[in-house]
Amino acid sequence: MAQAITESTRFALQQRAREVLGEQEGDTLMAHLPPVGWADVATKQDIESLRVATKQDIESLRVATKQDIESLRVATKQDVASLRESIVSLREVMQERFSHCAMKADMERGFRRQSMWMGSLFVAQTASLAGLLAVFHA
C-alpha cells in the first residue's frame, strides 16, 4: 500500500537523493517531481473532460434559462391580458354604479323641483282660497 506523501517524507526523499546523486542532482530531481502524489496531478485528458463537461453544463444552463425566460414572457403576457380584462370589467362596473349614482342624483333634483313646485302650488291655491273666502265672507 502506498504511503501518503507529506512534507517530511518529501524532505527525507530529497536528502537521500542528495546523498546518492549529489546535492545539485538531488535538488534537480526533486524539482521535477510534483509537490503532491501523482494521483493529485491533473492530466490533459482530465482537463479536456472537465472542459467538455463544463461546456455541456453551460449549454444546459443556456437552454434552461432561455426556456425560463420564454415561460416568464408568456406568463407575463397572460397576466397583462388578464389585468387588462379586469380593468375593463372594473371600468364597466364603475360606469354602471356611477350611472346609477348620476340617475339617483337626477331623480333627487327632480323630486326637489317637484316638491318646490307642489309647495308653491299649494301656497298659491291656499292664497287663492283665502282670497275667495274673504270675498264671500265680506
Protein backbone atom coordinates (compact mmCIF):
# COMPACT_ATOMS: atom_id res chain seq x y z
CA MET A 1 0.00 0.00 0.00
CA ALA A 2 1.35 3.42 -0.95
CA GLN A 3 2.33 5.74 1.82
CA ALA A 4 0.84 9.22 1.88
CA ILE A 5 3.31 11.84 0.80
CA THR A 6 3.86 14.52 3.41
CA GLU A 7 6.33 17.37 3.64
CA SER A 8 8.54 15.32 5.95
CA THR A 9 8.62 12.30 3.57
CA ARG A 10 9.42 14.64 0.63
CA PHE A 11 12.24 16.20 2.66
CA ALA A 12 13.60 12.78 3.57
CA LEU A 13 13.49 11.76 -0.13
CA GLN A 14 15.30 14.94 -1.12
CA GLN A 15 18.01 14.32 1.49
CA ARG A 16 18.51 10.72 0.26
CA ALA A 17 18.58 11.87 -3.42
CA ARG A 18 21.29 14.40 -2.47
CA GLU A 19 23.32 11.64 -0.76
CA VAL A 20 23.04 9.23 -3.69
CA LEU A 21 23.13 11.62 -6.68
CA GLY A 22 24.81 14.64 -5.23
CA GLU A 23 23.39 17.88 -3.94
CA GLN A 24 22.63 19.60 -7.28
CA GLU A 25 21.34 16.46 -8.98
CA GLY A 26 19.15 15.55 -5.98
CA ASP A 27 17.59 19.05 -5.99
CA THR A 28 17.06 18.86 -9.76
CA LEU A 29 15.30 15.50 -9.43
CA MET A 30 13.04 16.83 -6.66
CA ALA A 31 12.23 19.97 -8.70
CA HIS A 32 10.81 17.72 -11.44
CA LEU A 33 8.57 15.74 -9.09
CA PRO A 34 5.07 17.04 -8.38
CA PRO A 35 4.62 18.70 -4.99
CA VAL A 36 1.97 16.07 -4.10
CA GLY A 37 1.23 12.49 -5.08
CA TRP A 38 0.79 11.61 -8.75
CA ALA A 39 -2.88 10.79 -8.08
CA ASP A 40 -3.46 14.51 -7.41
CA VAL A 41 -1.94 15.68 -10.70
CA ALA A 42 -4.43 16.51 -13.47
CA THR A 43 -3.72 15.08 -16.90
CA LYS A 44 -4.53 16.65 -20.24
CA GLN A 45 -7.35 14.14 -20.53
CA ASP A 46 -8.71 15.22 -17.11
CA ILE A 47 -8.66 18.86 -18.21
CA GLU A 48 -10.30 18.04 -21.56
CA SER A 49 -13.02 16.03 -19.83
CA LEU A 50 -13.62 18.93 -17.46
CA ARG A 51 -13.74 21.38 -20.40
CA VAL A 52 -16.32 19.22 -22.23
CA ALA A 53 -18.42 18.76 -19.07
CA THR A 54 -18.28 22.50 -18.33
CA LYS A 55 -19.28 23.32 -21.90
CA GLN A 56 -22.22 20.89 -21.64
CA ASP A 57 -23.25 22.40 -18.29
CA ILE A 58 -23.14 25.92 -19.73
CA GLU A 59 -25.17 24.83 -22.76
CA SER A 60 -27.74 23.15 -20.50
CA LEU A 61 -27.97 26.31 -18.40
CA ARG A 62 -28.34 28.43 -21.55
CA VAL A 63 -31.21 26.26 -22.81
CA ALA A 64 -32.90 26.19 -19.38
CA THR A 65 -32.51 29.96 -19.00
CA LYS A 66 -33.94 30.55 -22.47
CA GLN A 67 -36.91 28.31 -21.62
CA ASP A 68 -37.41 30.07 -18.29
CA ILE A 69 -37.34 33.48 -19.97
CA GLU A 70 -39.84 32.32 -22.60
CA SER A 71 -42.10 30.91 -19.87
CA LEU A 72 -41.89 34.20 -17.98
CA ARG A 73 -42.64 36.13 -21.17
CA VAL A 74 -45.74 34.02 -21.86
CA ALA A 75 -46.89 34.21 -18.22
CA THR A 76 -46.35 37.97 -18.15
CA LYS A 77 -48.26 38.38 -21.40
CA GLN A 78 -51.14 36.33 -19.94
CA ASP A 79 -51.02 38.32 -16.70
CA VAL A 80 -51.14 41.61 -18.61
CA ALA A 81 -54.07 40.35 -20.71
CA SER A 82 -55.89 39.21 -17.57
CA LEU A 83 -55.19 42.53 -15.88
CA ARG A 84 -56.46 44.38 -18.94
CA GLU A 85 -59.69 42.32 -18.84
CA SER A 86 -60.05 43.04 -15.12
CA ILE A 87 -59.60 46.76 -15.73
CA VAL A 88 -62.23 46.72 -18.49
CA SER A 89 -64.64 44.81 -16.21
CA LEU A 90 -63.95 47.19 -13.34
CA ARG A 91 -64.50 50.18 -15.63
CA GLU A 92 -67.84 48.73 -16.75
CA VAL A 93 -68.92 48.09 -13.16
CA MET A 94 -67.86 51.57 -12.09
CA GLN A 95 -69.66 53.17 -15.03
CA GLU A 96 -72.78 51.19 -14.15
CA ARG A 97 -72.51 52.20 -10.49
CA PHE A 98 -71.78 55.81 -11.32
CA SER A 99 -74.61 55.92 -13.84
CA HIS A 100 -76.92 54.72 -11.05
CA CYS A 101 -75.48 57.43 -8.82
CA ALA A 102 -75.99 60.02 -11.55
CA MET A 103 -79.52 58.74 -12.11
CA LYS A 104 -80.18 58.91 -8.37
CA ALA A 105 -78.86 62.47 -8.23
CA ASP A 106 -81.04 63.43 -11.22
CA MET A 107 -84.05 61.87 -9.53
CA GLU A 108 -83.32 63.72 -6.28
CA ARG A 109 -83.06 67.02 -8.18
CA GLY A 110 -86.33 66.20 -9.94
CA PHE A 111 -88.05 65.36 -6.65
CA ARG A 112 -86.78 68.59 -5.11
CA ARG A 113 -88.05 70.63 -8.07
CA GLN A 114 -91.36 68.79 -7.94
CA SER A 115 -91.65 69.34 -4.19
CA MET A 116 -90.86 73.04 -4.60
CA TRP A 117 -93.37 73.32 -7.45
CA MET A 118 -96.06 71.50 -5.45
CA GLY A 119 -95.27 73.60 -2.38
CA SER A 120 -95.55 76.75 -4.46
CA LEU A 121 -98.77 75.47 -5.99
CA PHE A 122 -100.13 74.66 -2.52
CA VAL A 123 -99.26 78.17 -1.30
CA ALA A 124 -100.84 79.69 -4.40
CA GLN A 125 -104.02 77.62 -4.03
CA THR A 126 -104.19 78.41 -0.34
CA ALA A 127 -103.82 82.11 -1.10
CA SER A 128 -106.46 81.85 -3.82
CA LEU A 129 -108.86 80.05 -1.50
CA ALA A 130 -108.18 82.55 1.26
CA GLY A 131 -108.92 85.37 -1.19
CA LEU A 132 -112.15 83.69 -2.35
CA LEU A 133 -113.20 83.06 1.22
CA ALA A 134 -112.51 86.69 2.07
CA VAL A 135 -114.65 87.81 -0.87
CA PHE A 136 -117.52 85.51 0.04
CA HIS A 137 -117.46 86.36 3.74
CA ALA A 138 -117.39 90.01 3.18
